[in-house]
Amino acid sequence: MQKNKENIEYMLKTDGDRESGEYTGQLMRFGVLEEEFPDVTDNHYCGIKVMRQACYDYLKGKGYSDDYVIVHYCVKPGRSEKGNPKEVWTLGELQKNERD
C-alpha cells in the first residue's frame, strides 16, 4: 500500500465529532474540491461511517477498485491540527469501515 500521503490523488476530509453528531465531508482531488457530500446531523454513533460510505459510493461509481488508496483526514472541532489524523485507507476498507 502506498504510504506517501502527499502523492495520493484523493483525500476525504471529514469534519465533526460524536458528541455533536454533526459531520461534513468533502472529497478533494490533488487539493481541489471535487465533491461535497450531504451533511450528517444528529448521528452520534456512525456519522463518520456515513461519510466513508458516501466517499466509497462516489469513487466506486467512477470506476475505482476496492484496492484504490486514498487519504482520510479526520478533523474534530477544537482539536489541534496536529491531533487530526491523516490516514491511508483503501476503498474496500472505507466500505467495511475498518482498516486491515
N, C-alpha and C. Protein backbone atom coordinates (compact mmCIF):
# COMPACT_ATOMS: atom_id res chain seq x y z
N MET A 1 0.85 -1.18 0.00
CA MET A 1 0.00 0.00 0.00
C MET A 1 0.89 1.24 0.00
N GLN A 2 0.48 2.23 -0.75
CA GLN A 2 1.24 3.48 -0.83
C GLN A 2 1.16 4.20 0.51
N LYS A 3 2.30 4.64 1.02
CA LYS A 3 2.35 5.30 2.33
C LYS A 3 2.57 6.81 2.24
N ASN A 4 3.11 7.33 1.13
CA ASN A 4 3.37 8.76 1.00
C ASN A 4 2.05 9.49 0.76
N LYS A 5 1.53 10.10 1.81
CA LYS A 5 0.21 10.74 1.75
C LYS A 5 0.17 11.93 0.81
N GLU A 6 1.31 12.54 0.54
CA GLU A 6 1.36 13.76 -0.27
C GLU A 6 1.09 13.49 -1.75
N ASN A 7 1.32 12.28 -2.22
CA ASN A 7 1.17 11.98 -3.65
C ASN A 7 -0.10 11.19 -3.97
N ILE A 8 -0.98 11.04 -3.02
CA ILE A 8 -2.22 10.30 -3.24
C ILE A 8 -3.25 11.25 -3.85
N GLU A 9 -3.90 10.78 -4.89
CA GLU A 9 -4.81 11.62 -5.69
C GLU A 9 -5.98 12.18 -4.88
N TYR A 10 -6.67 11.33 -4.12
CA TYR A 10 -7.88 11.75 -3.42
C TYR A 10 -7.69 11.79 -1.92
N MET A 11 -8.35 12.79 -1.29
CA MET A 11 -8.40 12.87 0.15
C MET A 11 -9.84 13.15 0.58
N LEU A 12 -10.35 12.29 1.45
CA LEU A 12 -11.64 12.52 2.08
C LEU A 12 -11.39 13.32 3.35
N LYS A 13 -11.97 14.50 3.45
CA LYS A 13 -11.85 15.32 4.65
C LYS A 13 -13.20 15.32 5.34
N THR A 14 -13.21 14.82 6.57
CA THR A 14 -14.44 14.86 7.35
C THR A 14 -14.23 15.79 8.53
N ASP A 15 -15.24 16.58 8.82
CA ASP A 15 -15.24 17.48 9.97
C ASP A 15 -16.43 17.10 10.84
N GLY A 16 -16.19 16.88 12.12
CA GLY A 16 -17.29 16.57 13.02
C GLY A 16 -16.83 15.78 14.21
N ASP A 17 -17.81 15.42 15.04
CA ASP A 17 -17.50 14.60 16.20
C ASP A 17 -18.75 13.88 16.70
N ARG A 18 -18.49 12.86 17.48
CA ARG A 18 -19.56 12.03 18.04
C ARG A 18 -20.43 12.83 19.01
N GLU A 19 -19.79 13.73 19.76
CA GLU A 19 -20.54 14.49 20.77
C GLU A 19 -21.68 15.31 20.15
N SER A 20 -21.38 16.01 19.07
CA SER A 20 -22.41 16.83 18.42
C SER A 20 -23.28 16.02 17.47
N GLY A 21 -22.72 14.94 16.92
CA GLY A 21 -23.45 14.14 15.93
C GLY A 21 -23.51 14.81 14.57
N GLU A 22 -22.75 15.89 14.39
CA GLU A 22 -22.75 16.66 13.14
C GLU A 22 -21.46 16.37 12.36
N TYR A 23 -21.60 16.05 11.07
CA TYR A 23 -20.44 15.77 10.22
C TYR A 23 -20.62 16.39 8.85
N THR A 24 -19.51 16.89 8.30
CA THR A 24 -19.49 17.30 6.90
C THR A 24 -18.38 16.50 6.23
N GLY A 25 -18.48 16.36 4.92
CA GLY A 25 -17.47 15.60 4.20
C GLY A 25 -17.22 16.19 2.82
N GLN A 26 -15.95 16.31 2.49
CA GLN A 26 -15.55 16.81 1.18
C GLN A 26 -14.51 15.86 0.60
N LEU A 27 -14.60 15.63 -0.69
CA LEU A 27 -13.61 14.83 -1.39
C LEU A 27 -12.76 15.77 -2.23
N MET A 28 -11.47 15.77 -1.92
CA MET A 28 -10.52 16.63 -2.60
C MET A 28 -9.70 15.78 -3.58
N ARG A 29 -9.46 16.32 -4.77
CA ARG A 29 -8.59 15.66 -5.74
C ARG A 29 -7.39 16.57 -5.97
N PHE A 30 -6.23 16.11 -5.53
CA PHE A 30 -5.00 16.92 -5.57
C PHE A 30 -5.22 18.30 -4.96
N GLY A 31 -5.97 18.34 -3.83
CA GLY A 31 -6.18 19.57 -3.08
C GLY A 31 -7.31 20.45 -3.57
N VAL A 32 -8.02 20.04 -4.61
CA VAL A 32 -9.13 20.82 -5.16
C VAL A 32 -10.44 20.08 -4.87
N LEU A 33 -11.43 20.81 -4.35
CA LEU A 33 -12.72 20.21 -4.03
C LEU A 33 -13.35 19.61 -5.28
N GLU A 34 -13.66 18.31 -5.21
CA GLU A 34 -14.34 17.64 -6.32
C GLU A 34 -15.79 17.32 -5.97
N GLU A 35 -16.03 16.92 -4.73
CA GLU A 35 -17.39 16.52 -4.34
C GLU A 35 -17.61 16.88 -2.88
N GLU A 36 -18.79 17.40 -2.60
CA GLU A 36 -19.19 17.69 -1.23
C GLU A 36 -20.37 16.78 -0.91
N PHE A 37 -20.24 15.99 0.15
CA PHE A 37 -21.28 15.04 0.50
C PHE A 37 -22.32 15.69 1.40
N PRO A 38 -23.56 15.17 1.36
CA PRO A 38 -24.60 15.74 2.23
C PRO A 38 -24.19 15.69 3.70
N ASP A 39 -24.49 16.76 4.42
CA ASP A 39 -24.17 16.82 5.85
C ASP A 39 -24.91 15.72 6.60
N VAL A 40 -24.27 15.24 7.65
CA VAL A 40 -24.89 14.28 8.56
C VAL A 40 -25.22 15.04 9.83
N THR A 41 -26.45 14.91 10.31
CA THR A 41 -26.86 15.59 11.53
C THR A 41 -27.47 14.58 12.49
N ASP A 42 -27.31 14.84 13.77
CA ASP A 42 -27.89 14.04 14.83
C ASP A 42 -27.56 12.55 14.70
N ASN A 43 -26.30 12.26 14.36
CA ASN A 43 -25.86 10.88 14.24
C ASN A 43 -24.62 10.72 15.15
N HIS A 44 -24.86 10.32 16.38
CA HIS A 44 -23.81 10.29 17.39
C HIS A 44 -22.97 9.01 17.37
N TYR A 45 -23.36 8.02 16.60
CA TYR A 45 -22.66 6.74 16.66
C TYR A 45 -22.01 6.30 15.35
N CYS A 46 -22.49 6.79 14.23
CA CYS A 46 -21.87 6.31 12.97
C CYS A 46 -21.83 7.38 11.89
N GLY A 47 -21.75 8.65 12.29
CA GLY A 47 -21.69 9.73 11.31
C GLY A 47 -20.47 9.65 10.41
N ILE A 48 -19.32 9.30 10.97
CA ILE A 48 -18.11 9.19 10.17
C ILE A 48 -18.22 8.02 9.20
N LYS A 49 -18.89 6.96 9.63
CA LYS A 49 -19.12 5.81 8.75
C LYS A 49 -19.97 6.21 7.54
N VAL A 50 -20.96 7.05 7.78
CA VAL A 50 -21.83 7.54 6.69
C VAL A 50 -20.97 8.30 5.66
N MET A 51 -20.05 9.13 6.13
CA MET A 51 -19.17 9.88 5.23
C MET A 51 -18.24 8.95 4.46
N ARG A 52 -17.70 7.95 5.13
CA ARG A 52 -16.82 6.98 4.44
C ARG A 52 -17.60 6.24 3.37
N GLN A 53 -18.84 5.86 3.67
CA GLN A 53 -19.66 5.14 2.70
C GLN A 53 -19.99 6.03 1.51
N ALA A 54 -20.27 7.30 1.74
CA ALA A 54 -20.56 8.23 0.65
C ALA A 54 -19.36 8.36 -0.28
N CYS A 55 -18.18 8.44 0.30
CA CYS A 55 -16.94 8.52 -0.49
C CYS A 55 -16.74 7.24 -1.29
N TYR A 56 -16.93 6.11 -0.64
CA TYR A 56 -16.81 4.81 -1.31
C TYR A 56 -17.76 4.75 -2.51
N ASP A 57 -19.02 5.07 -2.28
CA ASP A 57 -20.03 5.01 -3.35
C ASP A 57 -19.65 5.93 -4.51
N TYR A 58 -19.18 7.11 -4.20
CA TYR A 58 -18.82 8.08 -5.23
C TYR A 58 -17.65 7.56 -6.08
N LEU A 59 -16.58 7.12 -5.43
CA LEU A 59 -15.40 6.67 -6.19
C LEU A 59 -15.64 5.34 -6.90
N LYS A 60 -16.42 4.45 -6.30
CA LYS A 60 -16.77 3.20 -7.00
C LYS A 60 -17.59 3.52 -8.24
N GLY A 61 -18.47 4.51 -8.14
CA GLY A 61 -19.27 4.93 -9.28
C GLY A 61 -18.42 5.50 -10.41
N LYS A 62 -17.23 5.98 -10.08
CA LYS A 62 -16.30 6.49 -11.09
C LYS A 62 -15.38 5.39 -11.62
N GLY A 63 -15.56 4.16 -11.12
CA GLY A 63 -14.81 3.02 -11.65
C GLY A 63 -13.57 2.62 -10.87
N TYR A 64 -13.34 3.21 -9.70
CA TYR A 64 -12.17 2.85 -8.91
C TYR A 64 -12.41 1.52 -8.20
N SER A 65 -11.34 0.74 -8.01
CA SER A 65 -11.45 -0.58 -7.39
C SER A 65 -11.33 -0.50 -5.88
N ASP A 66 -11.67 -1.60 -5.21
CA ASP A 66 -11.60 -1.64 -3.74
C ASP A 66 -10.18 -1.49 -3.21
N ASP A 67 -9.16 -1.76 -4.03
CA ASP A 67 -7.79 -1.62 -3.54
C ASP A 67 -7.20 -0.24 -3.85
N TYR A 68 -8.02 0.66 -4.40
CA TYR A 68 -7.58 2.03 -4.67
C TYR A 68 -7.34 2.74 -3.33
N VAL A 69 -6.25 3.50 -3.24
CA VAL A 69 -5.81 4.13 -2.00
C VAL A 69 -6.18 5.61 -1.97
N ILE A 70 -6.72 6.06 -0.83
CA ILE A 70 -7.00 7.47 -0.60
C ILE A 70 -6.48 7.85 0.80
N VAL A 71 -6.48 9.15 1.08
CA VAL A 71 -6.18 9.63 2.42
C VAL A 71 -7.49 10.05 3.07
N HIS A 72 -7.66 9.67 4.33
CA HIS A 72 -8.81 10.14 5.10
C HIS A 72 -8.27 11.09 6.17
N TYR A 73 -8.70 12.35 6.10
CA TYR A 73 -8.30 13.39 7.04
C TYR A 73 -9.49 13.68 7.93
N CYS A 74 -9.37 13.36 9.20
CA CYS A 74 -10.48 13.47 10.14
C CYS A 74 -10.25 14.65 11.07
N VAL A 75 -11.08 15.69 10.94
CA VAL A 75 -10.93 16.91 11.72
C VAL A 75 -12.03 16.97 12.77
N LYS A 76 -11.60 17.07 14.03
CA LYS A 76 -12.54 17.21 15.14
C LYS A 76 -12.49 18.66 15.61
N PRO A 77 -13.64 19.35 15.69
CA PRO A 77 -13.65 20.74 16.14
C PRO A 77 -12.97 20.88 17.51
N GLY A 78 -12.11 21.89 17.63
CA GLY A 78 -11.44 22.17 18.87
C GLY A 78 -10.15 21.39 19.09
N ARG A 79 -9.87 20.41 18.26
CA ARG A 79 -8.64 19.64 18.40
C ARG A 79 -7.54 20.31 17.58
N SER A 80 -6.31 20.28 18.07
CA SER A 80 -5.21 20.90 17.33
C SER A 80 -5.03 20.20 15.99
N GLU A 81 -4.51 20.95 15.02
CA GLU A 81 -4.31 20.37 13.69
C GLU A 81 -3.42 19.14 13.75
N LYS A 82 -2.40 19.16 14.60
CA LYS A 82 -1.51 18.01 14.74
C LYS A 82 -2.25 16.79 15.27
N GLY A 83 -3.32 17.02 16.02
CA GLY A 83 -4.09 15.91 16.59
C GLY A 83 -5.11 15.31 15.64
N ASN A 84 -5.32 15.95 14.49
CA ASN A 84 -6.28 15.45 13.50
C ASN A 84 -5.56 14.47 12.56
N PRO A 85 -5.92 13.19 12.61
CA PRO A 85 -5.17 12.20 11.85
C PRO A 85 -5.43 12.25 10.34
N LYS A 86 -4.36 11.99 9.59
CA LYS A 86 -4.44 11.75 8.15
C LYS A 86 -3.96 10.32 7.95
N GLU A 87 -4.88 9.46 7.54
CA GLU A 87 -4.57 8.04 7.42
C GLU A 87 -4.82 7.56 6.00
N VAL A 88 -4.03 6.58 5.60
CA VAL A 88 -4.18 5.96 4.28
C VAL A 88 -5.17 4.80 4.40
N TRP A 89 -6.19 4.83 3.55
CA TRP A 89 -7.22 3.79 3.51
C TRP A 89 -7.38 3.31 2.07
N THR A 90 -7.80 2.06 1.90
CA THR A 90 -8.25 1.60 0.58
C THR A 90 -9.76 1.82 0.53
N LEU A 91 -10.32 1.82 -0.68
CA LEU A 91 -11.78 1.95 -0.78
C LEU A 91 -12.48 0.80 -0.08
N GLY A 92 -11.92 -0.40 -0.20
CA GLY A 92 -12.52 -1.55 0.48
C GLY A 92 -12.57 -1.37 1.98
N GLU A 93 -11.51 -0.78 2.55
CA GLU A 93 -11.50 -0.51 3.99
C GLU A 93 -12.54 0.54 4.34
N LEU A 94 -12.71 1.56 3.50
CA LEU A 94 -13.74 2.57 3.76
C LEU A 94 -15.11 1.92 3.80
N GLN A 95 -15.36 1.03 2.85
CA GLN A 95 -16.67 0.39 2.75
C GLN A 95 -16.93 -0.49 3.97
N LYS A 96 -15.91 -1.18 4.46
CA LYS A 96 -16.05 -2.03 5.66
C LYS A 96 -16.01 -1.20 6.95
N ASN A 97 -15.53 0.04 6.82
CA ASN A 97 -15.34 0.95 7.96
C ASN A 97 -14.32 0.41 8.95
N GLU A 98 -13.31 -0.28 8.42
CA GLU A 98 -12.20 -0.74 9.26
C GLU A 98 -10.99 -0.96 8.40
N ARG A 99 -9.83 -0.72 8.98
CA ARG A 99 -8.58 -0.88 8.24
C ARG A 99 -8.02 -2.25 8.51
N ASP A 100 -7.48 -2.85 7.46
CA ASP A 100 -6.86 -4.19 7.59
C ASP A 100 -5.51 -4.10 8.26
